[in-house]
Amino acid sequence: MRHRFAPDHYANAILAGDRLLLSQAITLIESRRADDQLLAQQVLERILPETGKSIRIGITGVPGVGKSTFIESFGTYLTSLGHRLAVLTVDPTSQRSGGSLLGDKTRMETLSMNPAAYIRPSPAGDSLGGVGHRTRETMLLCEAAGFDIILVETVGVGQSETVVHGMVDFFLLLMLAGAGDELQGMKRGIMELADALTITKADGDNQLHAKLARLEYQNALHLFPPTGMGWFPPVLTCSATTGIGIADVWVTIHEHQQLTTKNGYRARRRQEQQLTWFRSLLRQRLESRFYEQPGIYDNLIVIEEQVQAGAILPTLAVDMLLR
């Protein structure tokens, strides 16, 4: 970054909706430099009172389900209602492929040109935990900048669903119809996380398949234990290309927010998420402190060889290293 400002300058500019300074502050959060990290935390402290007022929505689905097309259509609909939207991505797979910072913007051409929307891809080459922490902090900056809906998209598959579920108010699972063995191929764990399922591409010849799949998923969800918050995850259908069903998704999310705000579940969910974030960050910091100790890698190599050879027990080996 060529020029860095004082924390108050960033904070005031972000609160005034300055996108350039918002982007620069997010870059500070993503930086590995200690001075950048210190500055980022000072900015976050100043904007914290203006955060937490958005609806945070997580969106996931198998590759090919059309997440980007859905987000573009859904995001365009939300902005037409007068909402200001930030789209963030969590992409743990980018460390293998190298990632493409502009990938998300080219996938969402219309939305990226929308003055009421802001798209920010996750940094390439970072661990899932690291991306998760940075996305949480980026979310706070976006809320302070006046975005009242935050969409968090999982690009990778696997653990990223759990990470995103742990930072949002509503978790939407996008599904395909007519792909064969949908239920067998879908992880039960991910379905259990979902606050709603939406079958995409429900247009043309695929409409009948979508209706049948909807019944299958509804029946499958009835086998899951109740969530305990008085909400039963509905199964919806939509087409991002025709726009049919997109409004229903928003109505569902709005109803969920009204219910969970009224019964206190939304507030409890956010409190638990804060605690989980704290514990996760603490574990991460302790681990990095451990590996930063002088000579630790040399000792580690020697002890790992002894453990591998069966010369010492793993428990003893760990105690030796911690000493």
Protein backbone atom coordinates (compact mmCIF):
# COMPACT_ATOMS: atom_id res chain seq x y z
CA MET A 1 0.00 0.00 0.00
CA ARG A 2 1.53 3.31 -1.05
CA HIS A 3 0.16 5.58 1.66
CA ARG A 4 -1.30 4.82 5.07
CA PHE A 5 -3.52 7.22 6.97
CA ALA A 6 -4.24 7.67 10.67
CA PRO A 7 -6.88 5.30 12.15
CA ASP A 8 -9.41 8.15 12.58
CA HIS A 9 -9.06 9.09 8.91
CA TYR A 10 -9.93 5.54 7.80
CA ALA A 11 -12.77 5.25 10.32
CA ASN A 12 -14.39 8.58 9.38
CA ALA A 13 -14.08 7.87 5.65
CA ILE A 14 -15.60 4.36 6.04
CA LEU A 15 -18.51 5.73 8.10
CA ALA A 16 -19.07 8.30 5.33
CA GLY A 17 -19.29 5.44 2.79
CA ASP A 18 -15.92 6.03 1.06
CA ARG A 19 -15.34 2.83 -0.95
CA LEU A 20 -11.71 3.53 -1.75
CA LEU A 21 -10.79 3.87 1.92
CA LEU A 22 -13.00 0.85 2.75
CA SER A 23 -11.04 -1.25 0.24
CA GLN A 24 -7.73 0.05 1.63
CA ALA A 25 -8.80 -0.81 5.19
CA ILE A 26 -9.73 -4.36 4.08
CA THR A 27 -6.29 -4.65 2.46
CA LEU A 28 -4.76 -3.71 5.85
CA ILE A 29 -6.78 -6.54 7.47
CA GLU A 30 -5.50 -9.00 4.84
CA SER A 31 -1.88 -7.89 5.23
CA ARG A 32 0.60 -10.07 7.14
CA ARG A 33 2.68 -7.05 8.21
CA ALA A 34 2.58 -6.35 11.95
CA ASP A 35 2.24 -2.56 11.47
CA ASP A 36 -0.66 -3.05 9.03
CA GLN A 37 -2.35 -5.42 11.47
CA LEU A 38 -1.98 -2.93 14.33
CA LEU A 39 -3.48 -0.14 12.20
CA ALA A 40 -6.33 -2.41 11.05
CA GLN A 41 -7.23 -3.24 14.66
CA GLN A 42 -7.21 0.47 15.59
CA VAL A 43 -9.60 1.19 12.70
CA LEU A 44 -11.87 -1.69 13.75
CA GLU A 45 -12.01 -0.41 17.34
CA ARG A 46 -13.20 2.98 16.11
CA ILE A 47 -15.94 1.67 13.79
CA LEU A 48 -17.17 -1.12 16.12
CA PRO A 49 -20.14 0.87 17.58
CA GLU A 50 -21.56 1.21 14.05
CA THR A 51 -21.46 -2.52 13.25
CA GLY A 52 -23.84 -5.45 13.69
CA LYS A 53 -26.88 -3.80 12.09
CA SER A 54 -26.92 -5.80 8.85
CA ILE A 55 -28.51 -9.10 7.93
CA ARG A 56 -25.68 -11.58 7.35
CA ILE A 57 -26.52 -14.30 4.83
CA GLY A 58 -24.31 -17.28 4.02
CA ILE A 59 -24.69 -18.94 0.60
CA THR A 60 -23.27 -22.34 -0.29
CA GLY A 61 -23.86 -25.13 -2.77
CA VAL A 62 -22.12 -27.79 -4.81
CA PRO A 63 -19.93 -26.67 -7.76
CA GLY A 64 -22.11 -26.05 -10.82
CA VAL A 65 -25.18 -25.07 -8.81
CA GLY A 66 -24.88 -21.49 -10.09
CA LYS A 67 -23.95 -19.58 -6.94
CA SER A 68 -22.59 -16.56 -8.82
CA THR A 69 -25.60 -16.36 -11.15
CA PHE A 70 -27.93 -16.66 -8.15
CA ILE A 71 -26.05 -13.98 -6.18
CA GLU A 72 -26.12 -11.64 -9.17
CA SER A 73 -29.90 -12.07 -9.61
CA PHE A 74 -30.65 -12.03 -5.86
CA GLY A 75 -28.32 -9.06 -5.26
CA THR A 76 -29.86 -7.06 -8.10
CA TYR A 77 -33.31 -7.75 -6.65
CA LEU A 78 -32.21 -6.63 -3.14
CA THR A 79 -30.72 -3.38 -4.43
CA SER A 80 -33.94 -2.71 -6.38
CA LEU A 81 -35.71 -2.74 -2.99
CA GLY A 82 -33.33 -0.04 -1.76
CA HIS A 83 -30.87 -2.25 0.14
CA ARG A 84 -27.11 -1.75 0.05
CA LEU A 85 -25.30 -5.03 -0.46
CA ALA A 86 -21.77 -6.31 0.19
CA VAL A 87 -20.72 -9.68 -1.27
CA LEU A 88 -17.76 -11.41 0.40
CA THR A 89 -16.27 -14.76 -0.53
CA VAL A 90 -14.58 -17.45 1.54
CA ASP A 91 -12.28 -19.43 -0.74
CA PRO A 92 -9.93 -21.91 0.97
CA THR A 93 -9.23 -23.62 -2.38
CA SER A 94 -7.44 -20.56 -3.75
CA GLN A 95 -4.22 -21.56 -2.00
CA ARG A 96 -3.94 -24.53 -4.34
CA SER A 97 -4.95 -22.86 -7.58
CA GLY A 98 -3.36 -19.50 -6.84
CA GLY A 99 -6.80 -17.89 -6.92
CA SER A 100 -8.06 -15.08 -9.10
CA LEU A 101 -8.75 -11.82 -7.31
CA LEU A 102 -10.91 -10.57 -10.15
CA GLY A 103 -12.65 -13.93 -10.65
CA ASP A 104 -15.71 -13.01 -8.62
CA LYS A 105 -16.11 -9.63 -10.29
CA THR A 106 -16.03 -11.16 -13.76
CA ARG A 107 -18.55 -13.79 -12.65
CA MET A 108 -20.91 -11.08 -11.41
CA GLU A 109 -20.55 -8.41 -14.10
CA THR A 110 -23.92 -6.69 -13.61
CA LEU A 111 -23.69 -6.63 -9.81
CA SER A 112 -20.09 -5.36 -9.82
CA MET A 113 -21.29 -2.32 -11.82
CA ASN A 114 -24.20 -1.70 -9.42
CA PRO A 115 -23.57 1.43 -7.27
CA ALA A 116 -25.50 -0.12 -4.36
CA ALA A 117 -23.34 -3.28 -4.33
CA TYR A 118 -19.75 -3.98 -3.27
CA ILE A 119 -17.94 -7.23 -4.13
CA ARG A 120 -14.79 -8.31 -2.31
CA PRO A 121 -13.11 -11.68 -3.00
CA SER A 122 -11.14 -13.41 -0.25
CA PRO A 123 -7.33 -13.30 -0.36
CA ALA A 124 -5.63 -16.09 -2.29
CA GLY A 125 -3.16 -18.43 -0.64
CA ASP A 126 -4.47 -18.27 2.90
CA SER A 127 -5.58 -20.93 5.36
CA LEU A 128 -9.29 -21.48 5.93
CA GLY A 129 -9.00 -20.18 9.50
CA GLY A 130 -7.15 -17.08 8.32
CA VAL A 131 -9.70 -16.34 5.60
CA GLY A 132 -12.49 -16.84 8.16
CA HIS A 133 -11.04 -14.28 10.61
CA ARG A 134 -10.40 -11.76 7.85
CA THR A 135 -13.92 -12.21 6.43
CA ARG A 136 -15.43 -11.52 9.87
CA GLU A 137 -13.42 -8.31 10.19
CA THR A 138 -14.21 -7.29 6.59
CA MET A 139 -17.90 -7.81 7.39
CA LEU A 140 -17.66 -5.31 10.26
CA LEU A 141 -16.03 -2.70 8.00
CA CYS A 142 -18.76 -3.18 5.37
CA GLU A 143 -21.48 -2.78 8.02
CA ALA A 144 -19.85 0.45 9.21
CA ALA A 145 -19.80 1.66 5.59
CA GLY A 146 -23.61 1.37 5.50
CA PHE A 147 -24.18 -1.98 3.77
CA ASP A 148 -27.30 -3.43 5.40
CA ILE A 149 -27.10 -6.88 3.78
CA ILE A 150 -23.90 -8.92 3.72
CA LEU A 151 -23.76 -12.02 1.51
CA VAL A 152 -20.95 -14.44 2.31
CA GLU A 153 -20.36 -16.99 -0.44
CA THR A 154 -18.39 -20.21 0.01
CA VAL A 155 -16.34 -20.86 -3.11
CA GLY A 156 -14.60 -23.97 -1.88
CA VAL A 157 -16.36 -27.07 -0.62
CA GLY A 158 -15.86 -28.94 2.64
CA GLN A 159 -15.05 -27.18 5.88
CA SER A 160 -15.75 -23.70 4.49
CA GLU A 161 -19.51 -24.27 4.97
CA THR A 162 -19.03 -24.64 8.73
CA VAL A 163 -16.81 -21.54 8.85
CA VAL A 164 -19.39 -19.43 6.98
CA HIS A 165 -22.30 -20.82 9.04
CA GLY A 166 -20.38 -19.60 12.09
CA MET A 167 -20.52 -15.96 11.00
CA VAL A 168 -24.01 -15.46 9.51
CA ASP A 169 -27.63 -15.03 10.65
CA PHE A 170 -29.10 -17.11 7.83
CA PHE A 171 -27.51 -20.00 5.94
CA LEU A 172 -28.87 -20.73 2.46
CA LEU A 173 -28.05 -23.98 0.70
CA LEU A 174 -28.42 -23.99 -3.09
CA MET A 175 -29.19 -27.36 -4.69
CA LEU A 176 -29.50 -28.79 -8.19
CA ALA A 177 -32.42 -30.85 -9.48
CA GLY A 178 -32.15 -33.73 -11.93
CA ALA A 179 -28.50 -34.36 -11.11
CA GLY A 180 -29.29 -37.88 -9.83
CA ASP A 181 -28.83 -39.23 -6.30
CA GLU A 182 -28.97 -35.70 -4.89
CA LEU A 183 -29.68 -36.83 -1.35
CA GLN A 184 -26.98 -39.50 -1.30
CA GLY A 185 -24.43 -37.10 -2.74
CA MET A 186 -25.26 -34.30 -0.32
CA LYS A 187 -23.53 -34.27 3.03
CA ARG A 188 -26.10 -34.61 5.78
CA GLY A 189 -24.04 -32.24 7.93
CA ILE A 190 -24.36 -29.39 5.45
CA MET A 191 -28.12 -29.94 5.10
CA GLU A 192 -28.46 -29.77 8.89
CA LEU A 193 -26.76 -26.35 8.89
CA ALA A 194 -29.20 -24.88 6.35
CA ASP A 195 -31.96 -22.44 7.34
CA ALA A 196 -33.47 -22.93 3.86
CA LEU A 197 -32.79 -24.98 0.73
CA THR A 198 -33.27 -23.47 -2.71
CA ILE A 199 -33.31 -25.55 -5.90
CA THR A 200 -31.77 -23.45 -8.65
CA LYS A 201 -32.20 -23.52 -12.43
CA ALA A 202 -35.94 -24.27 -12.04
CA ASP A 203 -36.82 -23.14 -15.56
CA GLY A 204 -37.61 -24.63 -18.99
CA ASP A 205 -37.42 -28.42 -19.13
CA ASN A 206 -35.98 -28.50 -15.61
CA GLN A 207 -39.14 -27.23 -13.87
CA LEU A 208 -40.61 -30.70 -13.32
CA HIS A 209 -37.30 -32.06 -12.00
CA ALA A 210 -37.13 -29.09 -9.62
CA LYS A 211 -40.62 -29.79 -8.25
CA LEU A 212 -39.81 -33.49 -7.70
CA ALA A 213 -36.49 -32.63 -6.04
CA ARG A 214 -38.28 -30.15 -3.80
CA LEU A 215 -40.56 -32.92 -2.48
CA GLU A 216 -37.57 -35.24 -1.95
CA TYR A 217 -35.68 -32.65 0.05
CA GLN A 218 -38.75 -31.68 2.08
CA ASN A 219 -39.25 -35.33 3.04
CA ALA A 220 -35.56 -35.69 3.90
CA LEU A 221 -35.58 -32.58 6.12
CA HIS A 222 -38.48 -34.00 8.15
CA LEU A 223 -36.13 -36.78 9.30
CA PHE A 224 -33.77 -34.26 10.92
CA PRO A 225 -34.23 -33.33 14.60
CA PRO A 226 -35.98 -29.96 15.20
CA THR A 227 -33.70 -26.95 15.57
CA GLY A 228 -35.30 -25.80 18.80
CA MET A 229 -35.89 -22.24 17.58
CA GLY A 230 -39.36 -22.73 16.09
CA TRP A 231 -38.15 -22.57 12.49
CA PHE A 232 -38.50 -25.40 10.00
CA PRO A 233 -36.18 -25.01 6.97
CA PRO A 234 -38.33 -24.63 3.85
CA VAL A 235 -37.40 -25.90 0.37
CA LEU A 236 -37.81 -23.32 -2.39
CA THR A 237 -37.26 -23.28 -6.15
CA CYS A 238 -35.95 -20.42 -8.24
CA SER A 239 -34.48 -19.45 -11.57
CA ALA A 240 -31.73 -16.85 -11.58
CA THR A 241 -32.11 -16.33 -15.33
CA THR A 242 -35.88 -15.64 -15.34
CA GLY A 243 -35.98 -14.22 -11.79
CA ILE A 244 -38.89 -16.49 -10.79
CA GLY A 245 -38.70 -17.44 -7.10
CA ILE A 246 -35.97 -14.91 -6.24
CA ALA A 247 -38.42 -12.72 -4.28
CA ASP A 248 -39.60 -15.81 -2.32
CA VAL A 249 -36.04 -16.38 -1.08
CA TRP A 250 -35.94 -12.86 0.35
CA VAL A 251 -39.40 -13.24 1.93
CA THR A 252 -38.19 -16.46 3.62
CA ILE A 253 -35.04 -14.78 4.97
CA HIS A 254 -37.08 -11.81 6.22
CA GLU A 255 -39.57 -14.10 8.01
CA HIS A 256 -36.69 -16.03 9.60
CA GLN A 257 -35.11 -12.78 10.85
CA GLN A 258 -38.40 -11.55 12.29
CA LEU A 259 -38.98 -14.84 14.13
CA THR A 260 -35.43 -15.20 15.47
CA THR A 261 -35.26 -11.55 16.53
CA LYS A 262 -38.55 -11.92 18.41
CA ASN A 263 -37.61 -15.17 20.20
CA GLY A 264 -34.04 -14.04 20.96
CA TYR A 265 -32.37 -16.78 18.91
CA ARG A 266 -30.64 -14.32 16.54
CA ALA A 267 -28.96 -12.46 19.41
CA ARG A 268 -27.86 -15.74 21.05
CA ARG A 269 -26.50 -17.03 17.73
CA ARG A 270 -24.39 -13.90 17.30
CA GLN A 271 -23.09 -14.10 20.90
CA GLU A 272 -22.07 -17.74 20.37
CA GLN A 273 -20.38 -16.79 17.08
CA GLN A 274 -18.34 -14.09 18.84
CA LEU A 275 -17.19 -16.62 21.44
CA THR A 276 -16.32 -19.21 18.77
CA TRP A 277 -14.35 -16.56 16.85
CA PHE A 278 -12.45 -15.60 20.03
CA ARG A 279 -11.56 -19.23 20.86
CA SER A 280 -10.53 -19.97 17.30
CA LEU A 281 -8.33 -16.87 17.17
CA LEU A 282 -6.78 -17.74 20.53
CA ARG A 283 -5.88 -21.25 19.31
CA GLN A 284 -4.41 -19.80 16.12
CA ARG A 285 -2.30 -17.22 18.00
CA LEU A 286 -1.03 -19.79 20.51
CA GLU A 287 0.01 -22.08 17.66
CA SER A 288 1.84 -19.31 15.79
CA ARG A 289 3.58 -18.19 19.03
CA PHE A 290 4.75 -21.76 19.55
CA TYR A 291 6.27 -22.02 16.05
CA GLU A 292 7.88 -18.59 16.38
CA GLN A 293 10.11 -19.80 19.24
CA PRO A 294 13.81 -19.78 18.29
CA GLY A 295 15.13 -23.23 17.35
CA ILE A 296 11.69 -24.86 17.47
CA TYR A 297 11.90 -26.31 13.95
CA ASP A 298 15.28 -27.99 14.60
CA ASN A 299 13.94 -29.55 17.80
CA LEU A 300 10.74 -30.54 16.01
CA ILE A 301 12.58 -32.47 13.29
CA VAL A 302 14.64 -34.44 15.86
CA ILE A 303 11.62 -35.26 18.05
CA GLU A 304 9.39 -36.18 15.09
CA GLU A 305 12.04 -38.70 13.93
CA GLN A 306 12.10 -40.23 17.44
CA VAL A 307 8.29 -40.44 17.54
CA GLN A 308 8.21 -42.00 14.07
CA ALA A 309 10.80 -44.59 15.09
CA GLY A 310 8.81 -45.41 18.24
CA ALA A 311 11.67 -44.31 20.50
CA ILE A 312 9.46 -41.95 22.51
CA LEU A 313 5.72 -41.69 23.07
CA PRO A 314 3.84 -38.77 21.41
CA THR A 315 2.64 -37.52 24.84
CA LEU A 316 6.21 -37.29 26.14
CA ALA A 317 7.37 -35.69 22.88
CA VAL A 318 4.76 -32.93 23.16
CA ASP A 319 5.72 -32.26 26.80
CA MET A 320 9.40 -32.01 25.81
CA LEU A 321 8.63 -29.46 23.07
CA LEU A 322 6.35 -27.36 25.26
CA ARG A 323 9.07 -27.22 27.93
